[in-house]
C-alpha atoms as a PDB file:
ATOM      1  CA  UNK A   1      17.882  21.742   1.186  1.00  0.00           C
ATOM      2  CA  UNK A   2      16.798  20.610   4.805  1.00  0.00           C
ATOM      3  CA  UNK A   3      13.383  19.879   3.856  1.00  0.00           C
ATOM      4  CA  UNK A   4      14.680  17.787   0.903  1.00  0.00           C
ATOM      5  CA  UNK A   5      16.830  15.786   3.197  1.00  0.00           C
ATOM      6  CA  UNK A   6      13.923  15.101   5.451  1.00  0.00           C
ATOM      7  CA  UNK A   7      11.765  13.955   2.524  1.00  0.00           C
ATOM      8  CA  UNK A   8      14.467  11.521   1.528  1.00  0.00           C
ATOM      9  CA  UNK A   9      14.864  10.300   5.075  1.00  0.00           C
ATOM     10  CA  UNK A  10      11.013   9.761   4.978  1.00  0.00           C
ATOM     11  CA  UNK A  11      11.156   7.910   1.649  1.00  0.00           C
ATOM     12  CA  UNK A  12      13.950   5.663   3.070  1.00  0.00           C
ATOM     13  CA  UNK A  13      12.129   4.977   6.238  1.00  0.00           C
ATOM     14  CA  UNK A  14       9.164   4.036   4.227  1.00  0.00           C
ATOM     15  CA  UNK A  15      10.985   1.642   2.040  1.00  0.00           C
ATOM     16  CA  UNK A  16      13.044  -0.357   4.486  1.00  0.00           C
ATOM     17  CA  UNK A  17      10.958   0.058   7.540  1.00  0.00           C
ATOM     18  CA  UNK A  18      10.876  -3.797   7.637  1.00  0.00           C
ATOM     19  CA  UNK A  19      14.706  -4.198   7.611  1.00  0.00           C
ATOM     20  CA  UNK A  20      16.759  -0.875   8.024  1.00  0.00           C
ATOM     21  CA  UNK A  21      19.995  -2.960   7.787  1.00  0.00           C
ATOM     22  CA  UNK A  22      19.446  -3.080   4.011  1.00  0.00           C
ATOM     23  CA  UNK A  23      20.195   0.572   3.813  1.00  0.00           C
ATOM     24  CA  UNK A  24      23.728   1.804   2.848  1.00  0.00           C
ATOM     25  CA  UNK A  25      25.691   3.250   5.710  1.00  0.00           C
ATOM     26  CA  UNK A  26      25.256   6.940   4.354  1.00  0.00           C
ATOM     27  CA  UNK A  27      21.631   6.686   4.308  1.00  0.00           C
ATOM     28  CA  UNK A  28      21.525   4.725   7.678  1.00  0.00           C
ATOM     29  CA  UNK A  29      22.075   8.166   9.453  1.00  0.00           C
ATOM     30  CA  UNK A  30      18.901   9.595   7.834  1.00  0.00           C
ATOM     31  CA  UNK A  31      16.887   6.538   8.745  1.00  0.00           C
ATOM     32  CA  UNK A  32      18.051   6.928  12.410  1.00  0.00           C
ATOM     33  CA  UNK A  33      17.052  10.651  12.604  1.00  0.00           C
ATOM     34  CA  UNK A  34      13.359   9.995  11.279  1.00  0.00           C
ATOM     35  CA  UNK A  35      12.689   6.584  12.810  1.00  0.00           C
ATOM     36  CA  UNK A  36       9.475   7.035  15.020  1.00  0.00           C
ATOM     37  CA  UNK A  37      10.007   6.264  18.818  1.00  0.00           C
ATOM     38  CA  UNK A  38       7.980   3.803  20.730  1.00  0.00           C
ATOM     39  CA  UNK A  39       6.018   6.673  22.256  1.00  0.00           C
ATOM     40  CA  UNK A  40       5.097   7.932  18.626  1.00  0.00           C
ATOM     41  CA  UNK A  41       3.855   4.466  17.907  1.00  0.00           C
ATOM     42  CA  UNK A  42       1.467   3.994  20.687  1.00  0.00           C
ATOM     43  CA  UNK A  43      -1.595   4.212  18.399  1.00  0.00           C
ATOM     44  CA  UNK A  44      -0.784   1.008  17.027  1.00  0.00           C
ATOM     45  CA  UNK A  45      -1.882  -0.646  20.271  1.00  0.00           C
ATOM     46  CA  UNK A  46      -5.285   0.719  19.776  1.00  0.00           C
ATOM     47  CA  UNK A  47      -7.882  -2.021  18.864  1.00  0.00           C
ATOM     48  CA  UNK A  48      -9.123  -0.229  15.581  1.00  0.00           C
ATOM     49  CA  UNK A  49     -12.666  -1.627  14.354  1.00  0.00           C
ATOM     50  CA  UNK A  50     -13.642  -1.322  10.946  1.00  0.00           C
ATOM     51  CA  UNK A  51     -17.416  -2.481  11.452  1.00  0.00           C
ATOM     52  CA  UNK A  52     -19.370   0.475  12.540  1.00  0.00           C
ATOM     53  CA  UNK A  53     -22.106  -1.387  14.387  1.00  0.00           C
ATOM     54  CA  UNK A  54     -19.634  -3.272  16.418  1.00  0.00           C
ATOM     55  CA  UNK A  55     -17.705  -0.137  17.198  1.00  0.00           C
ATOM     56  CA  UNK A  56     -20.902   1.577  18.525  1.00  0.00           C
ATOM     57  CA  UNK A  57     -21.748  -1.448  20.583  1.00  0.00           C
ATOM     58  CA  UNK A  58     -18.101  -1.701  22.190  1.00  0.00           C
ATOM     59  CA  UNK A  59     -18.249   2.137  22.709  1.00  0.00           C
ATOM     60  CA  UNK A  60     -21.563   1.907  24.599  1.00  0.00           C
ATOM     61  CA  UNK A  61     -20.386  -1.142  26.612  1.00  0.00           C
ATOM     62  CA  UNK A  62     -17.059   0.427  27.517  1.00  0.00           C
ATOM     63  CA  UNK A  63     -18.711   3.930  28.132  1.00  0.00           C
ATOM     64  CA  UNK A  64     -16.286   5.427  25.768  1.00  0.00           C
ATOM     65  CA  UNK A  65     -16.355   8.017  22.956  1.00  0.00           C
ATOM     66  CA  UNK A  66     -16.585   6.954  19.454  1.00  0.00           C
ATOM     67  CA  UNK A  67     -14.077   8.281  16.703  1.00  0.00           C
ATOM     68  CA  UNK A  68     -15.051   7.852  13.139  1.00  0.00           C
ATOM     69  CA  UNK A  69     -12.416   8.399  10.530  1.00  0.00           C
ATOM     70  CA  UNK A  70     -13.509   8.368   6.869  1.00  0.00           C
ATOM     71  CA  UNK A  71     -11.813   9.554   3.416  1.00  0.00           C
ATOM     72  CA  UNK A  72     -13.641  10.581   0.398  1.00  0.00           C
ATOM     73  CA  UNK A  73     -10.937   9.579  -1.941  1.00  0.00           C
ATOM     74  CA  UNK A  74      -7.485   7.862  -2.433  1.00  0.00           C
ATOM     75  CA  UNK A  75      -4.861  10.051  -0.756  1.00  0.00           C
ATOM     76  CA  UNK A  76      -2.748  10.582  -3.837  1.00  0.00           C
ATOM     77  CA  UNK A  77      -5.463  10.933  -6.479  1.00  0.00           C
ATOM     78  CA  UNK A  78      -5.212  14.867  -6.142  1.00  0.00           C
ATOM     79  CA  UNK A  79      -1.612  14.937  -6.994  1.00  0.00           C
END
């Protein structure tokens, strides 16, 4: 039951993340439980690059490691 409630909360967070005030009062409680903190959203401040050659050039200039994230298919195709 607890995992179902968490799933409902995650769905609600996704659906109304732009305006949580649209939620009914009973669902707002779940939204507040699963809402990410500012610390958890720090990854959004990273200047992600989609051009590999530009990323390699920037990594060399800044003497930083390069992280490459790829996916072979749509995440929901296998469901």
